[in-house]
């Protein structure tokens, strides 16, 4: 089932909250950014708990950084030097993180007002990115469908381009399975079926090679809590995790995240080859939903994606979408409590 509730007005246009719900679970979505605003699931005692970070007003989504819950594109993550070449032609896109392009530029897809249609248990958002937007070539038509069935939220992406271009889509929900206002996620336990990752240079740009996680703090092949690594100056300068993993591609969930305090967990399954693990190391203090105060390490993002900077790394799977092709990919989150 679904229902619409007033949320804000942008350029004279009503922007509602769209809620998908059933007898135990609920998801709130926004046309602004095709974003996830809230996910309410039962904890081990049956108490409904909102497990993702968000804001109470549209203006915060519009003006603040962090991309809470947003659909990220046209190219998620980083493009080194904010430039690339397709079929011998060079392109320069918006540099919004030093000399690099991050999450599609200054006004990526998470800063756009999407059209939407609703059905009984799903919402489909659509947006057409014009040729030249943030410097990217060719117009691209994108659809993102959120579907809630029982205890599973599936996000399905579809895109078609008018000429060869880069398309890399993800969702930037910050999960806190202790409840969105519960503070740090140090106690969260992660299991990640990924034996390799993409090493980066000092600017967080993958250098085009793969390396094993074995023997490093990146190894979550067996369940492990984040713990003090989220603030350890010896690991990533005290910023925690902001690393792309090469998913093993085995059948079944690629990741499991669990909070011992509430018993709430999620299993993540995806059709995509990579996942950025981000533990909110760059999240500055801000006011969130219901008067909550969010800060560093208060959330976990599991951003399924093509590898960062893949357009400039020939050894990586290509993020180039060509005219006549249709991109189709999906990520699903199954929620549980134990």
C-alpha atoms as a PDB file:
ATOM      1  CA  UNK A   1       0.000   0.000   0.000  1.00  0.00           C
ATOM      2  CA  UNK A   2       1.028   3.615  -0.371  1.00  0.00           C
ATOM      3  CA  UNK A   3      -0.025   7.091   0.716  1.00  0.00           C
ATOM      4  CA  UNK A   4       1.152  10.637   0.084  1.00  0.00           C
ATOM      5  CA  UNK A   5       1.780  13.247   2.776  1.00  0.00           C
ATOM      6  CA  UNK A   6       2.749  16.927   2.393  1.00  0.00           C
ATOM      7  CA  UNK A   7       6.448  17.648   2.873  1.00  0.00           C
ATOM      8  CA  UNK A   8       7.448  20.852   1.095  1.00  0.00           C
ATOM      9  CA  UNK A   9       7.233  23.106  -1.941  1.00  0.00           C
ATOM     10  CA  UNK A  10       9.959  23.680  -4.523  1.00  0.00           C
ATOM     11  CA  UNK A  11       9.593  26.286  -7.277  1.00  0.00           C
ATOM     12  CA  UNK A  12       5.832  26.307  -6.737  1.00  0.00           C
ATOM     13  CA  UNK A  13       5.559  22.539  -6.983  1.00  0.00           C
ATOM     14  CA  UNK A  14       4.322  20.356  -4.141  1.00  0.00           C
ATOM     15  CA  UNK A  15       6.887  17.784  -3.006  1.00  0.00           C
ATOM     16  CA  UNK A  16       5.206  15.020  -0.992  1.00  0.00           C
ATOM     17  CA  UNK A  17       6.510  12.183   1.110  1.00  0.00           C
ATOM     18  CA  UNK A  18       5.448   8.917  -0.522  1.00  0.00           C
ATOM     19  CA  UNK A  19       5.075   6.126   2.017  1.00  0.00           C
ATOM     20  CA  UNK A  20       5.085   2.452   1.072  1.00  0.00           C
ATOM     21  CA  UNK A  21       3.883   0.303   3.942  1.00  0.00           C
ATOM     22  CA  UNK A  22       2.535  -3.059   5.027  1.00  0.00           C
ATOM     23  CA  UNK A  23       1.585  -4.511   8.384  1.00  0.00           C
ATOM     24  CA  UNK A  24       5.172  -4.506   9.741  1.00  0.00           C
ATOM     25  CA  UNK A  25       7.387  -2.311   7.566  1.00  0.00           C
ATOM     26  CA  UNK A  26       7.304   1.189   6.061  1.00  0.00           C
ATOM     27  CA  UNK A  27       9.517   3.187   3.719  1.00  0.00           C
ATOM     28  CA  UNK A  28       9.255   6.940   3.091  1.00  0.00           C
ATOM     29  CA  UNK A  29      10.450   8.286  -0.262  1.00  0.00           C
ATOM     30  CA  UNK A  30      10.917  11.763  -1.711  1.00  0.00           C
ATOM     31  CA  UNK A  31      10.649  12.924  -5.345  1.00  0.00           C
ATOM     32  CA  UNK A  32      13.483  15.328  -4.541  1.00  0.00           C
ATOM     33  CA  UNK A  33      16.555  13.224  -5.230  1.00  0.00           C
ATOM     34  CA  UNK A  34      14.422  10.072  -5.643  1.00  0.00           C
ATOM     35  CA  UNK A  35      15.502   9.646  -2.045  1.00  0.00           C
ATOM     36  CA  UNK A  36      14.833   7.348   0.889  1.00  0.00           C
ATOM     37  CA  UNK A  37      13.778   9.477   3.860  1.00  0.00           C
ATOM     38  CA  UNK A  38      12.850   6.808   6.415  1.00  0.00           C
ATOM     39  CA  UNK A  39      12.781   3.035   6.852  1.00  0.00           C
ATOM     40  CA  UNK A  40      10.814   1.698   9.808  1.00  0.00           C
ATOM     41  CA  UNK A  41      11.364  -1.919  10.801  1.00  0.00           C
ATOM     42  CA  UNK A  42      10.647  -3.916  13.994  1.00  0.00           C
ATOM     43  CA  UNK A  43      13.471  -4.591  16.437  1.00  0.00           C
ATOM     44  CA  UNK A  44      13.805  -7.859  18.361  1.00  0.00           C
ATOM     45  CA  UNK A  45      11.002  -6.758  20.732  1.00  0.00           C
ATOM     46  CA  UNK A  46       8.690  -5.739  17.888  1.00  0.00           C
ATOM     47  CA  UNK A  47       9.194  -1.991  18.370  1.00  0.00           C
ATOM     48  CA  UNK A  48       9.170  -0.062  15.072  1.00  0.00           C
ATOM     49  CA  UNK A  49      12.492   1.721  14.593  1.00  0.00           C
ATOM     50  CA  UNK A  50      13.518   4.229  11.923  1.00  0.00           C
ATOM     51  CA  UNK A  51      16.921   3.040  10.718  1.00  0.00           C
ATOM     52  CA  UNK A  52      18.082   5.690   8.252  1.00  0.00           C
ATOM     53  CA  UNK A  53      19.314   9.245   8.611  1.00  0.00           C
ATOM     54  CA  UNK A  54      17.263  12.080   7.156  1.00  0.00           C
ATOM     55  CA  UNK A  55      15.822  15.554   7.558  1.00  0.00           C
ATOM     56  CA  UNK A  56      12.455  16.969   8.614  1.00  0.00           C
ATOM     57  CA  UNK A  57      12.351  19.671   5.942  1.00  0.00           C
ATOM     58  CA  UNK A  58      12.897  19.857   2.201  1.00  0.00           C
ATOM     59  CA  UNK A  59      15.235  22.831   2.496  1.00  0.00           C
ATOM     60  CA  UNK A  60      17.853  20.720   4.287  1.00  0.00           C
ATOM     61  CA  UNK A  61      17.855  18.181   1.466  1.00  0.00           C
ATOM     62  CA  UNK A  62      18.223  21.029  -1.008  1.00  0.00           C
ATOM     63  CA  UNK A  63      21.015  22.988   0.680  1.00  0.00           C
ATOM     64  CA  UNK A  64      23.068  20.556   2.766  1.00  0.00           C
ATOM     65  CA  UNK A  65      25.648  18.031   1.651  1.00  0.00           C
ATOM     66  CA  UNK A  66      25.814  14.306   2.608  1.00  0.00           C
ATOM     67  CA  UNK A  67      23.292  13.083  -0.010  1.00  0.00           C
ATOM     68  CA  UNK A  68      20.992  11.523   2.627  1.00  0.00           C
ATOM     69  CA  UNK A  69      19.084   8.671   0.978  1.00  0.00           C
ATOM     70  CA  UNK A  70      19.528  10.092  -2.505  1.00  0.00           C
ATOM     71  CA  UNK A  71      19.810   8.475  -5.911  1.00  0.00           C
ATOM     72  CA  UNK A  72      23.326   9.251  -7.121  1.00  0.00           C
ATOM     73  CA  UNK A  73      24.182   9.914 -10.783  1.00  0.00           C
ATOM     74  CA  UNK A  74      24.926  10.511 -13.544  1.00  0.00           C
ATOM     75  CA  UNK A  75      28.150   8.964 -12.255  1.00  0.00           C
ATOM     76  CA  UNK A  76      28.291   7.837  -8.640  1.00  0.00           C
ATOM     77  CA  UNK A  77      31.549   8.134  -6.715  1.00  0.00           C
ATOM     78  CA  UNK A  78      34.660   9.741  -8.210  1.00  0.00           C
ATOM     79  CA  UNK A  79      36.057  10.447 -11.656  1.00  0.00           C
ATOM     80  CA  UNK A  80      39.747  11.261 -11.392  1.00  0.00           C
ATOM     81  CA  UNK A  81      40.652  14.662 -12.779  1.00  0.00           C
ATOM     82  CA  UNK A  82      36.985  15.192 -13.725  1.00  0.00           C
ATOM     83  CA  UNK A  83      37.800  14.032 -17.244  1.00  0.00           C
ATOM     84  CA  UNK A  84      37.524  10.947 -19.432  1.00  0.00           C
ATOM     85  CA  UNK A  85      37.616   9.832 -23.056  1.00  0.00           C
ATOM     86  CA  UNK A  86      34.946   7.912 -24.983  1.00  0.00           C
ATOM     87  CA  UNK A  87      35.588   6.742 -28.541  1.00  0.00           C
ATOM     88  CA  UNK A  88      38.552   9.077 -28.873  1.00  0.00           C
ATOM     89  CA  UNK A  89      36.713  12.185 -27.714  1.00  0.00           C
ATOM     90  CA  UNK A  90      37.698  13.823 -24.435  1.00  0.00           C
ATOM     91  CA  UNK A  91      35.194  15.231 -21.971  1.00  0.00           C
ATOM     92  CA  UNK A  92      35.636  17.430 -18.922  1.00  0.00           C
ATOM     93  CA  UNK A  93      32.910  17.290 -16.288  1.00  0.00           C
ATOM     94  CA  UNK A  94      32.304  19.385 -13.186  1.00  0.00           C
ATOM     95  CA  UNK A  95      35.070  19.173 -10.591  1.00  0.00           C
ATOM     96  CA  UNK A  96      33.404  19.469  -7.190  1.00  0.00           C
ATOM     97  CA  UNK A  97      35.899  17.653  -4.939  1.00  0.00           C
ATOM     98  CA  UNK A  98      39.232  19.294  -5.585  1.00  0.00           C
ATOM     99  CA  UNK A  99      40.189  18.354  -9.138  1.00  0.00           C
ATOM    100  CA  UNK A 100      37.820  15.367  -9.185  1.00  0.00           C
ATOM    101  CA  UNK A 101      34.132  14.882  -9.960  1.00  0.00           C
ATOM    102  CA  UNK A 102      32.146  13.349  -7.095  1.00  0.00           C
ATOM    103  CA  UNK A 103      28.607  11.950  -7.325  1.00  0.00           C
ATOM    104  CA  UNK A 104      27.776  13.535 -10.660  1.00  0.00           C
ATOM    105  CA  UNK A 105      28.926  17.074  -9.955  1.00  0.00           C
ATOM    106  CA  UNK A 106      27.561  20.073  -8.079  1.00  0.00           C
ATOM    107  CA  UNK A 107      23.937  19.208  -8.811  1.00  0.00           C
ATOM    108  CA  UNK A 108      23.847  15.477  -9.362  1.00  0.00           C
ATOM    109  CA  UNK A 109      20.694  13.379  -9.531  1.00  0.00           C
ATOM    110  CA  UNK A 110      20.240  13.675  -5.747  1.00  0.00           C
ATOM    111  CA  UNK A 111      19.609  17.412  -6.265  1.00  0.00           C
ATOM    112  CA  UNK A 112      16.914  16.982  -8.939  1.00  0.00           C
ATOM    113  CA  UNK A 113      13.131  16.923  -8.620  1.00  0.00           C
ATOM    114  CA  UNK A 114      11.974  13.670 -10.223  1.00  0.00           C
ATOM    115  CA  UNK A 115       8.611  12.743 -11.704  1.00  0.00           C
ATOM    116  CA  UNK A 116       6.902   9.763 -10.082  1.00  0.00           C
ATOM    117  CA  UNK A 117       4.136   7.200 -10.445  1.00  0.00           C
ATOM    118  CA  UNK A 118       2.770   4.966  -7.709  1.00  0.00           C
ATOM    119  CA  UNK A 119       1.326   1.476  -7.637  1.00  0.00           C
ATOM    120  CA  UNK A 120       0.202  -0.710  -4.759  1.00  0.00           C
ATOM    121  CA  UNK A 121       3.632  -1.565  -3.357  1.00  0.00           C
ATOM    122  CA  UNK A 122       6.038   0.451  -5.521  1.00  0.00           C
ATOM    123  CA  UNK A 123       7.055   3.924  -6.646  1.00  0.00           C
ATOM    124  CA  UNK A 124       8.873   4.654  -9.906  1.00  0.00           C
ATOM    125  CA  UNK A 125      10.814   7.906 -10.190  1.00  0.00           C
ATOM    126  CA  UNK A 126      11.922   9.202 -13.592  1.00  0.00           C
ATOM    127  CA  UNK A 127      14.325  11.917 -14.690  1.00  0.00           C
ATOM    128  CA  UNK A 128      15.852  12.913 -18.018  1.00  0.00           C
ATOM    129  CA  UNK A 129      19.352  14.307 -17.702  1.00  0.00           C
ATOM    130  CA  UNK A 130      19.979  16.643 -20.665  1.00  0.00           C
ATOM    131  CA  UNK A 131      23.001  16.541 -22.935  1.00  0.00           C
ATOM    132  CA  UNK A 132      25.846  18.463 -21.318  1.00  0.00           C
ATOM    133  CA  UNK A 133      24.491  18.414 -17.769  1.00  0.00           C
ATOM    134  CA  UNK A 134      27.511  18.785 -15.471  1.00  0.00           C
ATOM    135  CA  UNK A 135      29.582  18.225 -18.631  1.00  0.00           C
ATOM    136  CA  UNK A 136      28.401  14.679 -19.381  1.00  0.00           C
ATOM    137  CA  UNK A 137      27.673  13.850 -23.029  1.00  0.00           C
ATOM    138  CA  UNK A 138      24.253  12.828 -24.306  1.00  0.00           C
ATOM    139  CA  UNK A 139      20.793  12.906 -22.783  1.00  0.00           C
ATOM    140  CA  UNK A 140      19.979  10.006 -20.448  1.00  0.00           C
ATOM    141  CA  UNK A 141      16.542   8.829 -19.349  1.00  0.00           C
ATOM    142  CA  UNK A 142      16.644   7.233 -15.894  1.00  0.00           C
ATOM    143  CA  UNK A 143      14.025   5.312 -13.916  1.00  0.00           C
ATOM    144  CA  UNK A 144      14.392   4.171 -10.319  1.00  0.00           C
ATOM    145  CA  UNK A 145      11.757   1.867  -8.837  1.00  0.00           C
ATOM    146  CA  UNK A 146      11.448   1.211  -5.109  1.00  0.00           C
ATOM    147  CA  UNK A 147       9.369  -1.859  -4.267  1.00  0.00           C
ATOM    148  CA  UNK A 148       8.428  -3.023  -0.753  1.00  0.00           C
ATOM    149  CA  UNK A 149       7.274  -6.634  -0.473  1.00  0.00           C
ATOM    150  CA  UNK A 150       7.056  -8.127   3.012  1.00  0.00           C
ATOM    151  CA  UNK A 151      10.400  -7.336   4.681  1.00  0.00           C
ATOM    152  CA  UNK A 152      12.364  -6.566   1.506  1.00  0.00           C
ATOM    153  CA  UNK A 153      13.028  -3.250  -0.210  1.00  0.00           C
ATOM    154  CA  UNK A 154      14.262  -3.587  -3.789  1.00  0.00           C
ATOM    155  CA  UNK A 155      15.735  -0.703  -5.768  1.00  0.00           C
ATOM    156  CA  UNK A 156      15.719  -1.265  -9.540  1.00  0.00           C
ATOM    157  CA  UNK A 157      17.532   1.050 -11.939  1.00  0.00           C
ATOM    158  CA  UNK A 158      16.911   1.505 -15.658  1.00  0.00           C
ATOM    159  CA  UNK A 159      18.647   3.921 -18.019  1.00  0.00           C
ATOM    160  CA  UNK A 160      18.903   4.624 -21.752  1.00  0.00           C
ATOM    161  CA  UNK A 161      21.212   7.113 -23.480  1.00  0.00           C
ATOM    162  CA  UNK A 162      21.012   9.086 -26.720  1.00  0.00           C
ATOM    163  CA  UNK A 163      24.773   8.772 -27.212  1.00  0.00           C
ATOM    164  CA  UNK A 164      27.636   6.947 -25.522  1.00  0.00           C
ATOM    165  CA  UNK A 165      28.127   8.291 -22.021  1.00  0.00           C
ATOM    166  CA  UNK A 166      29.030   7.339 -18.460  1.00  0.00           C
ATOM    167  CA  UNK A 167      26.233   6.024 -16.240  1.00  0.00           C
ATOM    168  CA  UNK A 168      26.893   4.744 -12.725  1.00  0.00           C
ATOM    169  CA  UNK A 169      23.919   4.796 -10.346  1.00  0.00           C
ATOM    170  CA  UNK A 170      23.645   4.054  -6.642  1.00  0.00           C
ATOM    171  CA  UNK A 171      21.650   4.890  -3.519  1.00  0.00           C
ATOM    172  CA  UNK A 172      23.187   6.849  -0.636  1.00  0.00           C
ATOM    173  CA  UNK A 173      21.067   5.782   2.341  1.00  0.00           C
ATOM    174  CA  UNK A 174      22.857   6.044   5.689  1.00  0.00           C
ATOM    175  CA  UNK A 175      21.786   3.062   7.789  1.00  0.00           C
ATOM    176  CA  UNK A 176      21.911   3.115  11.572  1.00  0.00           C
ATOM    177  CA  UNK A 177      20.328  -0.116  12.759  1.00  0.00           C
ATOM    178  CA  UNK A 178      20.309   1.092  16.347  1.00  0.00           C
ATOM    179  CA  UNK A 179      17.853   3.781  15.250  1.00  0.00           C
ATOM    180  CA  UNK A 180      18.638   6.921  13.278  1.00  0.00           C
ATOM    181  CA  UNK A 181      19.182   8.980  16.440  1.00  0.00           C
ATOM    182  CA  UNK A 182      21.256   6.419  18.364  1.00  0.00           C
ATOM    183  CA  UNK A 183      24.710   7.817  17.585  1.00  0.00           C
ATOM    184  CA  UNK A 184      27.789   5.969  16.428  1.00  0.00           C
ATOM    185  CA  UNK A 185      27.651   2.689  14.504  1.00  0.00           C
ATOM    186  CA  UNK A 186      30.810   1.325  16.142  1.00  0.00           C
ATOM    187  CA  UNK A 187      28.884  -1.677  17.495  1.00  0.00           C
ATOM    188  CA  UNK A 188      27.492  -2.681  14.076  1.00  0.00           C
ATOM    189  CA  UNK A 189      28.705  -6.054  12.811  1.00  0.00           C
ATOM    190  CA  UNK A 190      29.429  -6.376   9.093  1.00  0.00           C
ATOM    191  CA  UNK A 191      29.853  -9.477   6.969  1.00  0.00           C
ATOM    192  CA  UNK A 192      30.970  -8.765   3.411  1.00  0.00           C
ATOM    193  CA  UNK A 193      31.544 -11.341   0.704  1.00  0.00           C
ATOM    194  CA  UNK A 194      34.377  -9.487  -0.957  1.00  0.00           C
ATOM    195  CA  UNK A 195      37.920 -10.830  -1.222  1.00  0.00           C
ATOM    196  CA  UNK A 196      39.357  -7.819  -3.059  1.00  0.00           C
ATOM    197  CA  UNK A 197      39.146  -4.051  -3.147  1.00  0.00           C
ATOM    198  CA  UNK A 198      40.338  -1.228  -5.416  1.00  0.00           C
ATOM    199  CA  UNK A 199      43.421   0.537  -3.961  1.00  0.00           C
ATOM    200  CA  UNK A 200      43.364   4.336  -4.141  1.00  0.00           C
ATOM    201  CA  UNK A 201      45.824   7.185  -4.428  1.00  0.00           C
ATOM    202  CA  UNK A 202      45.988  10.068  -1.949  1.00  0.00           C
ATOM    203  CA  UNK A 203      42.962  11.684  -3.609  1.00  0.00           C
ATOM    204  CA  UNK A 204      40.758   8.610  -3.083  1.00  0.00           C
ATOM    205  CA  UNK A 205      40.935   7.736  -6.783  1.00  0.00           C
ATOM    206  CA  UNK A 206      41.342   4.030  -7.653  1.00  0.00           C
ATOM    207  CA  UNK A 207      44.606   3.433  -9.489  1.00  0.00           C
ATOM    208  CA  UNK A 208      43.195   0.691 -11.723  1.00  0.00           C
ATOM    209  CA  UNK A 209      44.346  -2.415  -9.877  1.00  0.00           C
ATOM    210  CA  UNK A 210      42.783  -4.894  -7.448  1.00  0.00           C
ATOM    211  CA  UNK A 211      44.259  -6.047  -4.138  1.00  0.00           C
ATOM    212  CA  UNK A 212      43.317  -8.709  -1.556  1.00  0.00           C
ATOM    213  CA  UNK A 213      41.594  -7.648   1.659  1.00  0.00           C
ATOM    214  CA  UNK A 214      43.295 -10.453   3.569  1.00  0.00           C
ATOM    215  CA  UNK A 215      45.476  -9.153   6.374  1.00  0.00           C
ATOM    216  CA  UNK A 216      44.037  -5.625   6.205  1.00  0.00           C
ATOM    217  CA  UNK A 217      41.359  -3.737   8.198  1.00  0.00           C
ATOM    218  CA  UNK A 218      39.183  -4.070   5.069  1.00  0.00           C
ATOM    219  CA  UNK A 219      38.578  -7.790   5.609  1.00  0.00           C
ATOM    220  CA  UNK A 220      34.968  -8.472   6.657  1.00  0.00           C
ATOM    221  CA  UNK A 221      34.674 -11.946   5.143  1.00  0.00           C
ATOM    222  CA  UNK A 222      33.967 -13.155   8.656  1.00  0.00           C
ATOM    223  CA  UNK A 223      31.630 -11.056  10.849  1.00  0.00           C
ATOM    224  CA  UNK A 224      33.380  -8.167  12.598  1.00  0.00           C
ATOM    225  CA  UNK A 225      32.311  -5.032  14.433  1.00  0.00           C
ATOM    226  CA  UNK A 226      33.604  -1.695  13.176  1.00  0.00           C
ATOM    227  CA  UNK A 227      34.784  -0.732  16.637  1.00  0.00           C
ATOM    228  CA  UNK A 228      37.578   1.763  17.123  1.00  0.00           C
ATOM    229  CA  UNK A 229      38.632   1.578  13.462  1.00  0.00           C
ATOM    230  CA  UNK A 230      36.037   4.247  12.685  1.00  0.00           C
ATOM    231  CA  UNK A 231      38.159   6.823  14.536  1.00  0.00           C
ATOM    232  CA  UNK A 232      41.663   5.300  14.460  1.00  0.00           C
ATOM    233  CA  UNK A 233      44.066   7.916  13.066  1.00  0.00           C
ATOM    234  CA  UNK A 234      46.267   5.100  11.776  1.00  0.00           C
ATOM    235  CA  UNK A 235      43.456   3.911   9.488  1.00  0.00           C
ATOM    236  CA  UNK A 236      42.374   6.331   6.766  1.00  0.00           C
ATOM    237  CA  UNK A 237      43.290   9.326   8.912  1.00  0.00           C
ATOM    238  CA  UNK A 238      40.523   8.622  11.412  1.00  0.00           C
ATOM    239  CA  UNK A 239      37.769   8.887   8.790  1.00  0.00           C
ATOM    240  CA  UNK A 240      36.770   5.223   8.905  1.00  0.00           C
ATOM    241  CA  UNK A 241      35.731   3.404   5.764  1.00  0.00           C
ATOM    242  CA  UNK A 242      35.289   4.976   2.339  1.00  0.00           C
ATOM    243  CA  UNK A 243      36.445   2.071   0.174  1.00  0.00           C
ATOM    244  CA  UNK A 244      35.196   0.235  -2.894  1.00  0.00           C
ATOM    245  CA  UNK A 245      34.977  -3.538  -2.645  1.00  0.00           C
ATOM    246  CA  UNK A 246      34.968  -6.051  -5.471  1.00  0.00           C
ATOM    247  CA  UNK A 247      32.027  -8.289  -4.604  1.00  0.00           C
ATOM    248  CA  UNK A 248      32.747 -12.002  -4.975  1.00  0.00           C
ATOM    249  CA  UNK A 249      29.586 -12.471  -7.021  1.00  0.00           C
ATOM    250  CA  UNK A 250      28.532 -15.657  -5.289  1.00  0.00           C
ATOM    251  CA  UNK A 251      24.868 -16.580  -5.044  1.00  0.00           C
ATOM    252  CA  UNK A 252      23.118 -15.113  -2.021  1.00  0.00           C
ATOM    253  CA  UNK A 253      23.634 -11.944   0.023  1.00  0.00           C
ATOM    254  CA  UNK A 254      26.761  -9.922  -0.688  1.00  0.00           C
ATOM    255  CA  UNK A 255      26.611  -8.226   2.719  1.00  0.00           C
ATOM    256  CA  UNK A 256      24.975  -8.504   6.122  1.00  0.00           C
ATOM    257  CA  UNK A 257      24.865  -5.659   8.635  1.00  0.00           C
ATOM    258  CA  UNK A 258      23.590  -6.247  12.179  1.00  0.00           C
ATOM    259  CA  UNK A 259      23.184  -4.165  15.347  1.00  0.00           C
ATOM    260  CA  UNK A 260      23.465  -6.143  18.610  1.00  0.00           C
ATOM    261  CA  UNK A 261      21.689  -3.425  20.619  1.00  0.00           C
ATOM    262  CA  UNK A 262      18.370  -3.696  18.745  1.00  0.00           C
ATOM    263  CA  UNK A 263      18.800  -7.023  16.979  1.00  0.00           C
ATOM    264  CA  UNK A 264      17.952  -5.318  13.681  1.00  0.00           C
ATOM    265  CA  UNK A 265      19.847  -6.529  10.653  1.00  0.00           C
ATOM    266  CA  UNK A 266      19.799  -6.376   6.898  1.00  0.00           C
ATOM    267  CA  UNK A 267      20.991  -8.581   4.077  1.00  0.00           C
ATOM    268  CA  UNK A 268      22.037  -6.883   0.855  1.00  0.00           C
ATOM    269  CA  UNK A 269      21.870  -8.644  -2.519  1.00  0.00           C
ATOM    270  CA  UNK A 270      22.757  -6.991  -5.803  1.00  0.00           C
ATOM    271  CA  UNK A 271      23.346  -7.477  -9.517  1.00  0.00           C
ATOM    272  CA  UNK A 272      26.252  -4.994  -9.512  1.00  0.00           C
ATOM    273  CA  UNK A 273      29.951  -5.841  -9.187  1.00  0.00           C
ATOM    274  CA  UNK A 274      31.099  -3.224  -6.666  1.00  0.00           C
ATOM    275  CA  UNK A 275      30.115  -1.685  -3.337  1.00  0.00           C
ATOM    276  CA  UNK A 276      31.402   1.418  -1.597  1.00  0.00           C
ATOM    277  CA  UNK A 277      31.494   0.974   2.172  1.00  0.00           C
ATOM    278  CA  UNK A 278      31.187   4.433   3.705  1.00  0.00           C
ATOM    279  CA  UNK A 279      30.918   4.923   7.464  1.00  0.00           C
ATOM    280  CA  UNK A 280      30.155   8.658   7.442  1.00  0.00           C
ATOM    281  CA  UNK A 281      33.674   9.769   8.254  1.00  0.00           C
ATOM    282  CA  UNK A 282      33.080  13.127   6.578  1.00  0.00           C
ATOM    283  CA  UNK A 283      29.632  13.755   8.060  1.00  0.00           C
ATOM    284  CA  UNK A 284      29.708  17.019   9.992  1.00  0.00           C
ATOM    285  CA  UNK A 285      27.389  17.688  12.933  1.00  0.00           C
ATOM    286  CA  UNK A 286      23.867  18.612  11.852  1.00  0.00           C
ATOM    287  CA  UNK A 287      20.250  18.489  12.955  1.00  0.00           C
ATOM    288  CA  UNK A 288      18.286  15.529  11.666  1.00  0.00           C
ATOM    289  CA  UNK A 289      14.806  14.088  11.969  1.00  0.00           C
ATOM    290  CA  UNK A 290      12.924  14.636  15.198  1.00  0.00           C
ATOM    291  CA  UNK A 291      15.630  16.858  16.661  1.00  0.00           C
ATOM    292  CA  UNK A 292      18.325  14.193  16.390  1.00  0.00           C
ATOM    293  CA  UNK A 293      21.907  15.378  16.077  1.00  0.00           C
ATOM    294  CA  UNK A 294      23.973  13.464  13.529  1.00  0.00           C
ATOM    295  CA  UNK A 295      27.736  13.422  13.234  1.00  0.00           C
ATOM    296  CA  UNK A 296      30.785  11.461  12.194  1.00  0.00           C
ATOM    297  CA  UNK A 297      30.325   7.669  12.118  1.00  0.00           C
ATOM    298  CA  UNK A 298      26.567   7.873  12.760  1.00  0.00           C
ATOM    299  CA  UNK A 299      25.652   5.850   9.657  1.00  0.00           C
ATOM    300  CA  UNK A 300      26.738   3.144   7.226  1.00  0.00           C
ATOM    301  CA  UNK A 301      26.284   3.395   3.451  1.00  0.00           C
ATOM    302  CA  UNK A 302      26.358   0.249   1.312  1.00  0.00           C
ATOM    303  CA  UNK A 303      26.603   1.872  -2.118  1.00  0.00           C
ATOM    304  CA  UNK A 304      26.408  -0.734  -4.873  1.00  0.00           C
ATOM    305  CA  UNK A 305      28.084   0.580  -7.999  1.00  0.00           C
ATOM    306  CA  UNK A 306      30.482   0.233 -10.880  1.00  0.00           C
ATOM    307  CA  UNK A 307      33.994   0.780  -9.563  1.00  0.00           C
ATOM    308  CA  UNK A 308      34.999   4.427  -8.978  1.00  0.00           C
ATOM    309  CA  UNK A 309      36.949   6.008 -11.836  1.00  0.00           C
ATOM    310  CA  UNK A 310      36.180   2.947 -13.959  1.00  0.00           C
ATOM    311  CA  UNK A 311      35.848   5.088 -17.084  1.00  0.00           C
ATOM    312  CA  UNK A 312      39.585   5.830 -16.775  1.00  0.00           C
ATOM    313  CA  UNK A 313      40.660   2.298 -15.797  1.00  0.00           C
ATOM    314  CA  UNK A 314      40.595  -0.123 -18.763  1.00  0.00           C
ATOM    315  CA  UNK A 315      40.956  -3.183 -16.511  1.00  0.00           C
ATOM    316  CA  UNK A 316      37.709  -2.371 -14.673  1.00  0.00           C
ATOM    317  CA  UNK A 317      34.211  -3.284 -15.911  1.00  0.00           C
ATOM    318  CA  UNK A 318      33.085  -0.421 -18.129  1.00  0.00           C
ATOM    319  CA  UNK A 319      30.494   2.126 -16.940  1.00  0.00           C
ATOM    320  CA  UNK A 320      29.893   3.340 -20.501  1.00  0.00           C
ATOM    321  CA  UNK A 321      26.285   3.119 -21.686  1.00  0.00           C
ATOM    322  CA  UNK A 322      25.934   3.270 -25.462  1.00  0.00           C
ATOM    323  CA  UNK A 323      23.082   4.434 -27.633  1.00  0.00           C
ATOM    324  CA  UNK A 324      20.575   1.633 -28.127  1.00  0.00           C
ATOM    325  CA  UNK A 325      21.578  -0.151 -24.928  1.00  0.00           C
ATOM    326  CA  UNK A 326      19.483  -0.266 -21.756  1.00  0.00           C
ATOM    327  CA  UNK A 327      21.087  -0.383 -18.343  1.00  0.00           C
ATOM    328  CA  UNK A 328      19.181  -2.564 -15.880  1.00  0.00           C
ATOM    329  CA  UNK A 329      20.459  -3.359 -12.411  1.00  0.00           C
ATOM    330  CA  UNK A 330      19.083  -3.822  -8.917  1.00  0.00           C
ATOM    331  CA  UNK A 331      19.904  -3.942  -5.218  1.00  0.00           C
ATOM    332  CA  UNK A 332      17.696  -5.485  -2.524  1.00  0.00           C
ATOM    333  CA  UNK A 333      17.702  -5.086   1.256  1.00  0.00           C
ATOM    334  CA  UNK A 334      16.010  -7.768   3.365  1.00  0.00           C
ATOM    335  CA  UNK A 335      15.420  -6.682   6.965  1.00  0.00           C
ATOM    336  CA  UNK A 336      15.287  -8.988   9.980  1.00  0.00           C
ATOM    337  CA  UNK A 337      15.629  -8.998  13.769  1.00  0.00           C
ATOM    338  CA  UNK A 338      17.306 -11.588  15.974  1.00  0.00           C
END
